[in-house]
Amino acid sequence: MGRLLWLLLAIWAGLGAKIDEGPELASEQIFQEAVLEAKYFDLKERHGVADRRTLEAFFELFDLWIMLYRLNKIDEAMVEVLPACQWRQDQLTIKAIQAVAFLRWKQGRHREALARFHEMEGTLGKNPAICENIGHTYNALGMPKEAEQYFQQSLVFVEANFAGAAENKGGALLGLAGVREKQLKIPEALEAAQQAYDFYKSRDQERGWESSLTAKAAMAVSKMQLKLENLDDAEAKAQEAVRLFESTSGEDSPLLASAWKRLGEVQMKQERFVDARIAFHMSYKLEAIKDAFDLTEIVIVHQALMDAHLGRGPLDRTIFRSYFGTISQALQRVRKLKQDGNAGAFYKLAGEV
């Protein structure tokens, strides 16, 4: 048990290591993805999925896949990888449990992710990374009281100079911003989000490159500034998030869907309707193709795009033709879902275009 505990500590202390090794450049990541995929599938074919060399190659590839939101690829691979790791009771076993937890979180299956994170907590005890991840999961489940407890615990580790804890400061502050927002304490939420942004921005400057974590913090600041009607500040941070996500995660990253949508929301408030249409359409295109397809988000961005046209002067129906391809992609995805009232509502909205 002692050996397994040390393995757990080593893995959790290394969380975020890959993202810290060098600049996040989407073009380089995509090239590296192709190389690592070839390596993994070659080893799998020659030695089998249960071979240590194959599994180590998979987890090297997993680090890239999770950053690039290749959720379907991970899900398919884990069908074989998880059973191949479970019997080992070594470092690869823990990596597999951790991988499933992060995958389920990014798929929006937060209760399953929470169970995995608590499993890790029960084996290892509390540490800054576990506390932060559990806090984010409770926040996503709409449980701000529980989330705040875990974020505060993570920050206690930071203040105590726990090994590796400094890396979790920004994430815990972002989590607290989300908690304060749910509590309708928007100025306090902005303060926490700004602290997280300053933390990541300062780290970027020290290292000499920009990161997707800075973009996520910029999104949080933008959201609070929008709620406070500080539109110029909200727009500046949304534009920064778009730029950073494009450079660090790629132009097809689902992270960009939220950033473009935020920019459109700000521009609607500024009555810049043409700009807002462009932003909402960019968001719509990304929502329609992302692995973790979310019908609720599709409906929201579809309606936002339509609202950017209706009541904004003479209606030019020819513009809507440029949306047909995106709507068609979304319809194809919806047809594969459970055909319930939500699907019916989208069919109605799409048919009205």
Protein backbone atom coordinates (compact mmCIF):
# COMPACT_ATOMS: atom_id res chain seq x y z
CA MET A 1 0.00 0.00 0.00
CA GLY A 2 2.88 2.35 0.82
CA ARG A 3 4.36 1.93 -2.64
CA LEU A 4 1.02 2.68 -4.29
CA LEU A 5 0.60 5.77 -2.11
CA TRP A 6 3.95 7.15 -3.27
CA LEU A 7 2.97 6.47 -6.87
CA LEU A 8 -0.23 8.41 -6.32
CA LEU A 9 1.65 11.32 -4.81
CA ALA A 10 4.06 11.39 -7.72
CA ILE A 11 1.26 11.42 -10.29
CA TRP A 12 -0.81 14.12 -8.61
CA ALA A 13 2.28 16.27 -8.00
CA GLY A 14 2.90 16.05 -11.73
CA LEU A 15 -0.53 17.29 -12.77
CA GLY A 16 -0.15 20.00 -15.38
CA ALA A 17 3.46 19.06 -16.04
CA LYS A 18 2.92 18.62 -19.77
CA ILE A 19 1.32 22.01 -20.15
CA ASP A 20 4.27 23.57 -18.30
CA GLU A 21 7.05 21.98 -20.37
CA GLY A 22 6.96 24.51 -23.20
CA PRO A 23 4.81 26.85 -25.27
CA GLU A 24 1.32 25.67 -26.19
CA LEU A 25 1.29 25.89 -29.97
CA ALA A 26 -1.67 24.22 -31.64
CA SER A 27 0.20 23.57 -34.90
CA GLU A 28 2.99 21.72 -33.08
CA GLN A 29 0.51 19.78 -30.94
CA ILE A 30 -1.36 18.52 -34.00
CA PHE A 31 1.89 17.36 -35.60
CA GLN A 32 2.94 15.68 -32.36
CA GLU A 33 -0.49 14.05 -32.12
CA ALA A 34 0.01 12.35 -35.49
CA VAL A 35 3.46 11.08 -34.42
CA LEU A 36 2.23 9.74 -31.08
CA GLU A 37 -0.86 8.13 -32.61
CA ALA A 38 1.34 6.26 -35.07
CA LYS A 39 3.61 5.14 -32.23
CA TYR A 40 0.73 3.95 -30.03
CA PHE A 41 -1.13 2.03 -32.73
CA ASP A 42 2.10 0.43 -33.96
CA LEU A 43 2.99 -0.79 -30.46
CA LYS A 44 -0.57 -1.97 -29.91
CA GLU A 45 -0.49 -4.02 -33.11
CA ARG A 46 2.94 -5.54 -32.40
CA HIS A 47 2.73 -6.13 -28.64
CA GLY A 48 -0.94 -5.86 -27.65
CA VAL A 49 -2.71 -3.23 -25.58
CA ALA A 50 -1.70 -4.76 -22.23
CA ASP A 51 2.03 -4.42 -22.88
CA ARG A 52 3.69 -1.76 -20.72
CA ARG A 53 5.30 -0.12 -23.76
CA THR A 54 1.88 0.24 -25.40
CA LEU A 55 0.26 1.64 -22.27
CA GLU A 56 3.04 4.15 -21.67
CA ALA A 57 2.68 5.31 -25.28
CA PHE A 58 -1.07 5.67 -24.76
CA PHE A 59 -0.72 7.92 -21.72
CA GLU A 60 1.81 10.06 -23.55
CA LEU A 61 -0.79 10.42 -26.30
CA PHE A 62 -3.57 10.97 -23.74
CA ASP A 63 -1.87 14.14 -22.48
CA LEU A 64 -2.19 15.62 -25.97
CA TRP A 65 -5.65 14.24 -26.67
CA ILE A 66 -7.10 15.73 -23.50
CA MET A 67 -5.56 19.15 -24.24
CA LEU A 68 -6.96 19.02 -27.78
CA TYR A 69 -10.36 17.77 -26.57
CA ARG A 70 -10.19 14.53 -28.59
CA LEU A 71 -12.82 13.08 -26.26
CA ASN A 72 -14.26 10.52 -28.65
CA LYS A 73 -10.82 9.12 -29.37
CA ILE A 74 -10.06 8.81 -25.66
CA ASP A 75 -13.42 7.22 -24.91
CA GLU A 76 -12.91 4.60 -27.60
CA ALA A 77 -9.37 3.81 -26.48
CA MET A 78 -10.26 3.57 -22.78
CA VAL A 79 -12.55 0.61 -23.48
CA GLU A 80 -9.35 -1.43 -23.89
CA VAL A 81 -6.87 0.59 -21.86
CA LEU A 82 -8.78 0.68 -18.56
CA PRO A 83 -9.14 -3.12 -18.20
CA ALA A 84 -5.53 -3.54 -19.31
CA CYS A 85 -4.42 -1.25 -16.46
CA GLN A 86 -6.76 -2.26 -13.65
CA TRP A 87 -5.11 -5.59 -12.82
CA ARG A 88 -1.60 -4.14 -12.61
CA GLN A 89 -1.92 -2.23 -9.31
CA ASP A 90 0.92 0.06 -10.27
CA GLN A 91 1.45 3.56 -11.62
CA LEU A 92 -0.44 2.76 -14.82
CA THR A 93 -3.50 1.73 -12.79
CA ILE A 94 -3.61 5.14 -11.15
CA LYS A 95 -3.03 6.91 -14.45
CA ALA A 96 -6.01 5.06 -15.93
CA ILE A 97 -8.32 6.06 -13.06
CA GLN A 98 -7.16 9.65 -13.37
CA ALA A 99 -7.65 9.61 -17.14
CA VAL A 100 -11.23 8.39 -16.80
CA ALA A 101 -11.97 11.12 -14.24
CA PHE A 102 -10.73 13.90 -16.52
CA LEU A 103 -12.47 12.39 -19.55
CA ARG A 104 -15.83 12.19 -17.79
CA TRP A 105 -15.43 15.77 -16.55
CA LYS A 106 -14.82 17.12 -20.04
CA GLN A 107 -17.72 15.05 -21.38
CA GLY A 108 -20.01 16.80 -18.90
CA ARG A 109 -20.55 13.56 -16.95
CA HIS A 110 -19.67 15.29 -13.72
CA ARG A 111 -21.19 12.84 -11.23
CA GLU A 112 -19.08 10.04 -12.68
CA ALA A 113 -16.01 12.28 -12.54
CA LEU A 114 -16.78 13.20 -8.93
CA ALA A 115 -16.91 9.54 -7.93
CA ARG A 116 -13.48 8.96 -9.48
CA PHE A 117 -11.97 12.04 -7.82
CA HIS A 118 -13.36 11.01 -4.43
CA GLU A 119 -11.94 7.54 -5.04
CA MET A 120 -8.53 9.15 -5.45
CA GLU A 121 -9.10 11.32 -2.37
CA GLY A 122 -10.02 8.26 -0.29
CA THR A 123 -6.84 6.46 -1.29
CA LEU A 124 -4.42 9.36 -1.17
CA GLY A 125 -5.97 11.88 1.18
CA LYS A 126 -6.29 15.56 0.38
CA ASN A 127 -3.77 17.49 -1.68
CA PRO A 128 -4.05 20.76 -3.62
CA ALA A 129 -4.76 19.18 -7.02
CA ILE A 130 -7.41 16.77 -5.73
CA CYS A 131 -9.12 19.54 -3.77
CA GLU A 132 -9.16 21.84 -6.78
CA ASN A 133 -10.55 19.17 -9.11
CA ILE A 134 -13.26 18.12 -6.67
CA GLY A 135 -14.14 21.79 -6.16
CA HIS A 136 -14.57 22.37 -9.90
CA THR A 137 -16.73 19.26 -10.14
CA TYR A 138 -19.03 20.34 -7.31
CA ASN A 139 -19.27 23.76 -8.95
CA ALA A 140 -20.29 22.16 -12.24
CA LEU A 141 -22.96 20.18 -10.37
CA GLY A 142 -24.43 23.38 -8.91
CA MET A 143 -23.19 22.72 -5.37
CA PRO A 144 -21.30 25.94 -4.50
CA LYS A 145 -21.11 25.31 -0.75
CA GLU A 146 -19.23 22.04 -1.21
CA ALA A 147 -17.15 23.56 -4.01
CA GLU A 148 -16.05 26.48 -1.84
CA GLN A 149 -14.87 24.14 0.92
CA TYR A 150 -12.58 22.28 -1.48
CA PHE A 151 -11.25 25.42 -3.16
CA GLN A 152 -10.42 26.94 0.22
CA GLN A 153 -8.66 23.71 1.21
CA SER A 154 -6.60 23.88 -1.98
CA LEU A 155 -5.59 27.46 -1.17
CA VAL A 156 -4.56 26.39 2.35
CA PHE A 157 -2.07 24.01 0.74
CA VAL A 158 -0.83 26.88 -1.44
CA GLU A 159 -0.33 29.17 1.54
CA ALA A 160 1.47 26.37 3.41
CA ASN A 161 3.92 25.98 0.49
CA PHE A 162 2.90 22.34 -0.01
CA ALA A 163 5.04 20.69 -2.70
CA GLY A 164 3.68 21.65 -6.12
CA ALA A 165 0.73 23.54 -4.63
CA ALA A 166 1.62 26.89 -6.20
CA GLU A 167 0.46 25.58 -9.59
CA ASN A 168 -3.08 25.17 -8.22
CA LYS A 169 -3.50 28.74 -7.00
CA GLY A 170 -4.93 30.08 -10.26
CA GLY A 171 -7.37 27.20 -10.66
CA ALA A 172 -8.63 27.49 -7.10
CA LEU A 173 -9.15 31.24 -7.52
CA LEU A 174 -11.07 30.64 -10.75
CA GLY A 175 -13.20 28.14 -8.90
CA LEU A 176 -13.95 30.64 -6.15
CA ALA A 177 -14.96 33.16 -8.81
CA GLY A 178 -17.54 30.65 -10.02
CA VAL A 179 -18.78 30.09 -6.48
CA ARG A 180 -19.17 33.83 -5.85
CA GLU A 181 -21.06 34.18 -9.13
CA LYS A 182 -23.55 31.50 -8.06
CA GLN A 183 -23.93 33.37 -4.77
CA LEU A 184 -24.71 36.52 -6.82
CA LYS A 185 -21.65 38.25 -5.36
CA ILE A 186 -20.45 39.57 -8.70
CA PRO A 187 -17.87 42.16 -7.50
CA GLU A 188 -16.28 39.46 -5.32
CA ALA A 189 -16.39 37.05 -8.26
CA LEU A 190 -14.63 39.61 -10.44
CA GLU A 191 -11.95 40.11 -7.79
CA ALA A 192 -11.20 36.37 -7.62
CA ALA A 193 -11.23 36.03 -11.41
CA GLN A 194 -8.87 39.00 -11.78
CA GLN A 195 -6.49 37.48 -9.22
CA ALA A 196 -6.45 34.24 -11.21
CA TYR A 197 -5.84 36.16 -14.45
CA ASP A 198 -2.98 38.12 -12.87
CA PHE A 199 -1.47 34.87 -11.57
CA TYR A 200 -1.47 33.20 -14.98
CA LYS A 201 -0.42 36.36 -16.83
CA SER A 202 2.55 36.83 -14.53
CA ARG A 203 3.55 33.20 -15.00
CA ASP A 204 3.32 33.57 -18.78
CA GLN A 205 5.62 36.58 -18.66
CA GLU A 206 8.15 34.71 -16.52
CA ARG A 207 8.22 31.75 -18.91
CA GLY A 208 8.12 33.72 -22.11
CA TRP A 209 4.99 32.18 -23.65
CA GLU A 210 1.21 32.45 -23.34
CA SER A 211 -1.11 29.69 -22.13
CA SER A 212 -4.66 28.45 -22.45
CA LEU A 213 -5.03 28.85 -18.68
CA THR A 214 -4.62 32.60 -19.12
CA ALA A 215 -7.38 32.45 -21.73
CA LYS A 216 -9.68 30.63 -19.30
CA ALA A 217 -9.02 33.27 -16.67
CA ALA A 218 -9.67 36.01 -19.22
CA MET A 219 -13.03 34.36 -19.94
CA ALA A 220 -13.94 34.48 -16.26
CA VAL A 221 -13.00 38.16 -16.00
CA SER A 222 -14.95 38.92 -19.18
CA LYS A 223 -18.04 37.20 -17.82
CA MET A 224 -18.04 39.25 -14.62
CA GLN A 225 -17.30 42.49 -16.45
CA LEU A 226 -20.25 41.80 -18.74
CA LYS A 227 -22.53 41.22 -15.76
CA LEU A 228 -21.35 44.54 -14.32
CA GLU A 229 -21.97 46.28 -17.69
CA ASN A 230 -18.28 47.15 -18.11
CA LEU A 231 -18.53 46.41 -21.81
CA ASP A 232 -15.16 47.67 -23.05
CA ASP A 233 -13.31 45.61 -20.44
CA ALA A 234 -15.52 42.60 -21.15
CA GLU A 235 -14.83 42.85 -24.88
CA ALA A 236 -11.07 43.20 -24.41
CA LYS A 237 -10.85 40.06 -22.30
CA ALA A 238 -13.13 38.09 -24.66
CA GLN A 239 -10.98 39.06 -27.64
CA GLU A 240 -7.86 38.05 -25.73
CA ALA A 241 -9.44 34.67 -24.95
CA VAL A 242 -10.27 34.11 -28.63
CA ARG A 243 -6.71 34.94 -29.65
CA LEU A 244 -5.12 32.74 -26.98
CA PHE A 245 -7.39 29.75 -27.56
CA GLU A 246 -6.73 29.91 -31.30
CA SER A 247 -2.96 29.92 -30.83
CA THR A 248 -2.74 27.40 -27.98
CA SER A 249 -5.59 24.99 -28.72
CA GLY A 250 -6.35 25.36 -32.43
CA GLU A 251 -9.08 26.96 -34.50
CA ASP A 252 -11.39 23.96 -34.03
CA SER A 253 -11.06 23.84 -30.23
CA PRO A 254 -14.37 23.68 -28.31
CA LEU A 255 -12.87 26.24 -25.94
CA LEU A 256 -13.25 28.76 -28.73
CA ALA A 257 -16.99 28.14 -28.92
CA SER A 258 -17.50 29.76 -25.53
CA ALA A 259 -15.07 32.58 -26.29
CA TRP A 260 -16.77 33.52 -29.57
CA LYS A 261 -20.16 33.33 -27.88
CA ARG A 262 -19.01 35.65 -25.09
CA LEU A 263 -17.68 38.12 -27.64
CA GLY A 264 -21.03 38.04 -29.43
CA GLU A 265 -22.90 38.67 -26.17
CA VAL A 266 -20.76 41.73 -25.46
CA GLN A 267 -21.21 43.05 -28.99
CA MET A 268 -24.98 42.65 -28.73
CA LYS A 269 -24.91 44.86 -25.63
CA GLN A 270 -22.84 47.36 -27.62
CA GLU A 271 -25.44 47.18 -30.44
CA ARG A 272 -22.76 45.99 -32.87
CA PHE A 273 -25.10 43.47 -34.43
CA VAL A 274 -23.10 42.63 -37.55
CA ASP A 275 -20.03 41.80 -35.46
CA ALA A 276 -22.19 39.80 -33.06
CA ARG A 277 -23.58 37.70 -35.93
CA ILE A 278 -20.07 36.78 -37.01
CA ALA A 279 -19.09 35.83 -33.46
CA PHE A 280 -22.23 33.77 -32.82
CA HIS A 281 -21.84 31.94 -36.13
CA MET A 282 -18.23 31.09 -35.28
CA SER A 283 -19.43 29.71 -31.94
CA TYR A 284 -22.27 27.79 -33.61
CA LYS A 285 -19.89 26.10 -36.07
CA LEU A 286 -17.68 24.88 -33.24
CA GLU A 287 -20.60 23.70 -31.09
CA ALA A 288 -21.88 21.66 -34.04
CA ILE A 289 -18.66 19.67 -34.44
CA LYS A 290 -17.25 19.25 -30.94
CA ASP A 291 -17.00 15.76 -29.44
CA ALA A 292 -18.97 16.59 -26.28
CA PHE A 293 -22.03 17.70 -28.25
CA ASP A 294 -24.40 19.74 -26.07
CA LEU A 295 -27.89 20.29 -27.46
CA THR A 296 -28.66 22.95 -24.86
CA GLU A 297 -25.68 25.03 -26.01
CA ILE A 298 -26.68 24.50 -29.64
CA VAL A 299 -30.16 25.87 -28.96
CA ILE A 300 -28.75 28.84 -27.03
CA VAL A 301 -26.26 29.90 -29.70
CA HIS A 302 -28.77 29.27 -32.51
CA GLN A 303 -31.26 31.58 -30.82
CA ALA A 304 -28.56 34.16 -30.12
CA LEU A 305 -27.62 34.19 -33.80
CA MET A 306 -31.24 34.65 -34.84
CA ASP A 307 -31.72 37.41 -32.26
CA ALA A 308 -28.77 39.27 -33.78
CA HIS A 309 -30.86 39.58 -36.96
CA LEU A 310 -34.45 40.03 -35.83
CA GLY A 311 -35.55 43.56 -35.03
CA ARG A 312 -32.24 45.00 -36.24
CA GLY A 313 -33.44 46.85 -39.32
CA PRO A 314 -34.44 45.41 -42.73
CA LEU A 315 -34.08 41.62 -42.76
CA ASP A 316 -31.80 40.29 -45.51
CA ARG A 317 -32.85 36.65 -45.91
CA THR A 318 -29.91 35.90 -48.21
CA ILE A 319 -27.52 36.11 -45.26
CA PHE A 320 -29.20 33.08 -43.72
CA ARG A 321 -27.92 30.88 -46.53
CA SER A 322 -24.45 31.08 -45.01
CA TYR A 323 -25.84 29.38 -41.90
CA PHE A 324 -27.38 26.38 -43.67
CA GLY A 325 -24.21 24.26 -43.56
CA THR A 326 -23.79 24.79 -39.83
CA ILE A 327 -27.45 24.08 -39.09
CA SER A 328 -27.26 20.95 -41.24
CA GLN A 329 -24.27 19.69 -39.23
CA ALA A 330 -26.13 20.32 -36.00
CA LEU A 331 -29.22 18.51 -37.31
CA GLN A 332 -27.12 15.45 -38.16
CA ARG A 333 -25.83 15.34 -34.58
CA VAL A 334 -29.27 15.87 -33.06
CA ARG A 335 -30.76 13.00 -35.09
CA LYS A 336 -28.34 10.66 -33.30
CA LEU A 337 -29.58 11.77 -29.88
CA LYS A 338 -32.60 10.66 -27.90
CA GLN A 339 -35.60 12.08 -29.75
CA ASP A 340 -37.29 14.00 -26.95
CA GLY A 341 -38.79 17.44 -26.47
CA ASN A 342 -35.40 19.13 -26.65
CA ALA A 343 -34.68 17.58 -30.04
CA GLY A 344 -38.15 18.58 -31.22
CA ALA A 345 -37.57 22.16 -30.10
CA PHE A 346 -34.38 22.36 -32.14
CA TYR A 347 -36.03 20.88 -35.23
CA LYS A 348 -38.63 23.65 -34.96
CA LEU A 349 -36.01 26.38 -34.60
CA ALA A 350 -33.96 25.05 -37.50
CA GLY A 351 -37.02 24.81 -39.71
CA GLU A 352 -37.82 28.47 -39.17
CA VAL A 353 -34.54 29.68 -40.70
